[in-house]
Amino acid sequence: MKTMLAMKQVTKSYGDGSGRLTVLNNLELEVGAGEFIAVLGPSGSGKSTFLSAAGALLTPDSGEIAIGGEALSGKSKTELAELRLKRIGFMFQNAQLLPYLKVEEQLLYVAQLAGQSKAEAKARAAELLGRLGIWERRSHYPDKLSGGEKQRVAIARAWMNNPAILLADEPTASLDFERGREVVRMIAEEVRREGKAAVMVTHDERMLEWCSRVLHLQGGGLA
C-alpha cells in the first residue's frame, strides 16, 4: 500500500524560554492509499497545528513530512505552494467557495492554476460533480446552494487535481447531523474510488463510522 502522508518525529513549539509550549512532540503518522483517518482532540490540543504541518502550511521545528513520497524539507516557499496545489486537497469548516464563481467555475479555476488543459478540466469537473450529485447545480452561485451542497462542491474541488491526500478541517461543523454524515460518507467513497487518502480533524464522534482509523491527539502525539 502506497504511503500518501508520512510524518516522522514531527515537533513544533511556540514561545520562548520557560513559556515555551510544545504542541506537537515527536508525532508519528503514516496514511496509506485508500485510508480515511479521523483525528480527535479537545480544543487546544494542537489539531490546527497538526493539520497545518501535514498540509505544508507550517514548517515544524524538527522531523520529516512527506506527501505522496515527496519530502517537504528543503523546499522553497514557491515549491511548497506548487506541492500544495498539486498534491494536497483541502476542505474547511465552511466550504470557502468564491462567491463570484459558479459551481463548475470553482473547479475549473483550481484546474487552471494547476495547468490542466481546458478539455481535461471540463471532463474532470463533470465527472466529480456528477458522482457527488450536484451536476444540475453547476451553473449556480454559492449563495444559491444549501450548506450540504456547498460542502459537496468543496469535496469536488479538493479532488479536482488528483491530490495524494485530502486534509479536512472540521468539514461537518456547519452542518446538521444528517447532512454532516452524508458529507463524511462521500469523502470516504471518494477516497476508495480515487485510491487516495484523507485525514479529517473533527470533534464530532458521531461522524466516525466511515473512517478507517480513529486517532486521538494528546500530549503532542497521536494514539
Protein backbone atom coordinates (compact mmCIF):
# COMPACT_ATOMS: atom_id res chain seq x y z
CA MET A 1 0.00 0.00 0.00
CA LYS A 2 1.49 3.32 -1.09
CA THR A 3 2.05 5.84 1.70
CA MET A 4 0.26 9.12 0.92
CA LEU A 5 1.25 11.01 4.09
CA ALA A 6 4.20 10.28 6.35
CA MET A 7 5.05 12.32 9.45
CA LYS A 8 8.12 11.17 11.38
CA GLN A 9 9.16 12.62 14.75
CA VAL A 10 7.46 15.92 13.96
CA THR A 11 7.85 18.51 16.70
CA LYS A 12 6.50 22.06 16.84
CA SER A 13 6.73 24.52 19.73
CA TYR A 14 5.68 28.11 20.28
CA GLY A 15 7.08 30.81 22.55
CA ASP A 16 10.46 31.20 24.25
CA GLY A 17 12.16 30.20 27.46
CA SER A 18 10.03 28.97 30.35
CA GLY A 19 6.88 29.96 28.46
CA ARG A 20 7.66 27.68 25.52
CA LEU A 21 4.76 25.37 24.65
CA THR A 22 5.35 22.15 22.73
CA VAL A 23 2.23 21.45 20.67
CA LEU A 24 3.49 18.53 18.56
CA ASN A 25 6.01 16.25 20.23
CA ASN A 26 7.75 13.65 18.04
CA LEU A 27 4.44 12.97 16.32
CA GLU A 28 4.31 9.90 14.07
CA LEU A 29 1.73 9.13 11.38
CA GLU A 30 1.52 7.11 8.18
CA VAL A 31 -1.58 7.18 5.99
CA GLY A 32 -1.81 4.78 3.08
CA ALA A 33 -3.79 4.84 -0.15
CA GLY A 34 -7.45 4.08 0.48
CA GLU A 35 -7.34 5.14 4.13
CA PHE A 36 -9.62 7.73 5.72
CA ILE A 37 -8.24 8.75 9.11
CA ALA A 38 -10.09 10.74 11.77
CA VAL A 39 -8.11 12.76 14.32
CA LEU A 40 -9.92 13.75 17.52
CA GLY A 41 -8.78 16.07 20.26
CA PRO A 42 -10.15 18.73 22.60
CA SER A 43 -9.81 22.42 21.87
CA GLY A 44 -6.19 23.50 22.33
CA SER A 45 -4.76 20.02 21.74
CA GLY A 46 -2.93 21.10 18.59
CA LYS A 47 -5.27 19.87 15.86
CA SER A 48 -4.84 23.04 13.78
CA THR A 49 -1.06 22.92 14.12
CA PHE A 50 -1.06 19.24 13.14
CA LEU A 51 -3.17 19.87 10.04
CA SER A 52 -1.13 22.92 9.04
CA ALA A 53 2.09 20.90 9.27
CA ALA A 54 0.60 18.00 7.31
CA GLY A 55 -0.59 20.43 4.65
CA ALA A 56 2.79 22.14 4.17
CA LEU A 57 1.38 25.39 5.56
CA LEU A 58 3.64 25.36 8.61
CA THR A 59 7.25 24.20 8.98
CA PRO A 60 7.91 22.03 12.05
CA ASP A 61 10.91 22.64 14.31
CA SER A 62 12.15 19.13 13.60
CA GLY A 63 11.06 15.89 11.97
CA GLU A 64 10.21 14.82 8.44
CA ILE A 65 6.99 15.10 6.44
CA ALA A 66 6.36 13.58 3.00
CA ILE A 67 3.30 13.83 0.75
CA GLY A 68 2.89 11.01 -1.78
CA GLY A 69 6.52 10.09 -1.20
CA GLU A 70 7.76 13.65 -1.79
CA ALA A 71 9.64 15.14 1.19
CA LEU A 72 8.80 18.70 2.23
CA SER A 73 12.13 19.55 3.84
CA GLY A 74 14.43 21.74 1.81
CA LYS A 75 11.73 23.07 -0.47
CA SER A 76 11.35 26.80 -1.14
CA LYS A 77 8.10 28.67 -0.49
CA THR A 78 7.35 28.54 -4.22
CA GLU A 79 7.98 24.80 -4.36
CA LEU A 80 5.77 24.21 -1.32
CA ALA A 81 2.96 26.26 -2.88
CA GLU A 82 3.24 24.15 -6.04
CA LEU A 83 3.18 20.94 -4.00
CA ARG A 84 0.08 22.08 -2.07
CA LEU A 85 -1.70 22.86 -5.33
CA LYS A 86 -0.93 19.53 -6.99
CA ARG A 87 -0.54 17.02 -4.15
CA ILE A 88 -2.92 18.17 -1.39
CA GLY A 89 -6.66 18.79 -1.36
CA PHE A 90 -8.08 20.98 1.41
CA MET A 91 -11.57 21.13 2.95
CA PHE A 92 -12.55 23.57 5.67
CA GLN A 93 -15.28 24.04 8.28
CA ASN A 94 -17.04 26.39 5.90
CA ALA A 95 -16.79 25.49 2.23
CA GLN A 96 -14.94 28.75 1.45
CA LEU A 97 -16.23 28.89 -2.10
CA LEU A 98 -15.50 32.00 -4.14
CA PRO A 99 -18.80 33.94 -4.15
CA TYR A 100 -18.34 35.31 -7.68
CA LEU A 101 -17.79 31.90 -9.34
CA LYS A 102 -20.46 29.39 -10.28
CA VAL A 103 -20.13 25.79 -9.09
CA GLU A 104 -18.40 24.44 -12.19
CA GLU A 105 -16.17 27.51 -12.36
CA GLN A 106 -14.92 26.82 -8.81
CA LEU A 107 -13.40 23.56 -10.03
CA LEU A 108 -12.14 24.91 -13.35
CA TYR A 109 -10.33 27.74 -11.58
CA VAL A 110 -8.34 25.26 -9.47
CA ALA A 111 -7.52 23.23 -12.58
CA GLN A 112 -6.35 26.37 -14.38
CA LEU A 113 -3.98 27.22 -11.53
CA ALA A 114 -2.52 23.72 -11.78
CA GLY A 115 -2.04 23.99 -15.54
CA GLN A 116 -4.61 21.42 -16.65
CA SER A 117 -5.89 21.67 -20.21
CA LYS A 118 -9.38 23.10 -20.57
CA ALA A 119 -10.77 19.88 -22.06
CA GLU A 120 -9.24 17.74 -19.33
CA ALA A 121 -10.53 20.09 -16.62
CA LYS A 122 -14.07 20.18 -18.03
CA ALA A 123 -14.21 16.38 -18.17
CA ARG A 124 -12.85 16.00 -14.63
CA ALA A 125 -15.29 18.60 -13.25
CA ALA A 126 -18.25 16.89 -14.93
CA GLU A 127 -17.17 13.51 -13.55
CA LEU A 128 -16.83 14.75 -9.96
CA LEU A 129 -19.97 16.89 -9.92
CA GLY A 130 -21.94 14.01 -11.40
CA ARG A 131 -20.67 11.49 -8.85
CA LEU A 132 -21.43 13.86 -5.98
CA GLY A 133 -24.96 14.53 -7.21
CA ILE A 134 -24.59 18.26 -7.92
CA TRP A 135 -24.12 18.38 -11.69
CA GLU A 136 -27.51 20.03 -12.07
CA ARG A 137 -26.28 22.82 -9.76
CA ARG A 138 -23.17 23.53 -11.87
CA SER A 139 -24.44 26.95 -13.05
CA HIS A 140 -25.46 28.19 -9.59
CA TYR A 141 -23.56 30.66 -7.45
CA PRO A 142 -22.68 29.61 -3.86
CA ASP A 143 -25.38 31.78 -2.31
CA LYS A 144 -27.99 29.65 -4.09
CA LEU A 145 -26.71 26.39 -2.54
CA SER A 146 -27.58 24.69 0.74
CA GLY A 147 -24.85 24.04 3.30
CA GLY A 148 -24.64 20.41 2.27
CA GLU A 149 -24.41 21.31 -1.41
CA LYS A 150 -21.60 23.76 -0.69
CA GLN A 151 -19.62 21.05 1.08
CA ARG A 152 -20.20 18.67 -1.85
CA VAL A 153 -18.70 21.32 -4.13
CA ALA A 154 -15.82 21.62 -1.67
CA ILE A 155 -15.22 17.86 -1.90
CA ALA A 156 -15.21 18.02 -5.70
CA ARG A 157 -12.85 20.99 -5.68
CA ALA A 158 -10.50 19.22 -3.26
CA TRP A 159 -10.24 16.18 -5.56
CA MET A 160 -10.03 18.20 -8.78
CA ASN A 161 -6.27 17.89 -9.25
CA ASN A 162 -5.96 14.23 -8.19
CA PRO A 163 -4.08 15.06 -4.97
CA ALA A 164 -2.32 12.37 -2.97
CA ILE A 165 -4.26 13.31 0.14
CA LEU A 166 -7.28 15.31 1.28
CA LEU A 167 -6.99 17.22 4.56
CA ALA A 168 -10.35 18.15 6.07
CA ASP A 169 -10.66 20.59 8.99
CA GLU A 170 -13.99 20.09 10.80
CA PRO A 171 -15.83 19.69 7.45
CA THR A 172 -19.19 18.96 9.12
CA ALA A 173 -19.15 21.63 11.82
CA SER A 174 -21.54 23.95 9.96
CA LEU A 175 -23.97 21.15 9.01
CA ASP A 176 -26.73 19.33 10.84
CA PHE A 177 -26.12 15.68 11.75
CA GLU A 178 -27.66 14.06 8.67
CA ARG A 179 -26.00 16.41 6.17
CA GLY A 180 -22.72 16.09 8.00
CA ARG A 181 -22.91 12.32 7.94
CA GLU A 182 -23.62 12.41 4.21
CA VAL A 183 -20.56 14.59 3.57
CA VAL A 184 -18.31 12.22 5.54
CA ARG A 185 -19.72 9.23 3.63
CA MET A 186 -18.96 10.96 0.33
CA ILE A 187 -15.39 11.72 1.39
CA ALA A 188 -14.93 8.03 2.30
CA GLU A 189 -16.34 6.89 -1.03
CA GLU A 190 -14.12 9.25 -3.00
CA VAL A 191 -11.05 8.07 -1.05
CA ARG A 192 -11.75 4.48 -2.07
CA ARG A 193 -12.72 5.33 -5.64
CA GLU A 194 -9.73 7.58 -6.26
CA GLY A 195 -7.24 5.31 -4.46
CA LYS A 196 -6.12 8.33 -2.45
CA ALA A 197 -6.19 9.10 1.27
CA ALA A 198 -7.83 11.56 3.65
CA VAL A 199 -7.30 12.90 7.16
CA MET A 200 -10.22 14.58 8.91
CA VAL A 201 -9.84 16.61 12.09
CA THR A 202 -13.14 16.60 13.97
CA HIS A 203 -14.64 16.89 17.43
CA ASP A 204 -17.85 15.05 16.47
CA GLU A 205 -17.58 11.34 17.29
CA ARG A 206 -20.89 10.69 15.52
CA MET A 207 -19.09 11.14 12.17
CA LEU A 208 -16.62 8.27 12.59
CA GLU A 209 -18.40 5.24 11.15
CA TRP A 210 -16.94 5.81 7.67
CA CYS A 211 -13.36 6.20 8.87
CA SER A 212 -10.67 3.51 8.55
CA ARG A 213 -8.92 4.55 11.77
CA VAL A 214 -9.63 6.93 14.62
CA LEU A 215 -6.68 8.58 16.36
CA HIS A 216 -6.55 10.94 19.34
CA LEU A 217 -4.17 13.89 19.52
CA GLN A 218 -2.92 14.10 23.08
CA GLY A 219 0.35 15.12 24.68
CA GLY A 220 1.60 16.25 21.29
CA GLY A 221 1.31 12.80 19.74
CA LEU A 222 -1.25 10.55 18.06
CA ALA A 223 -2.59 7.40 19.69
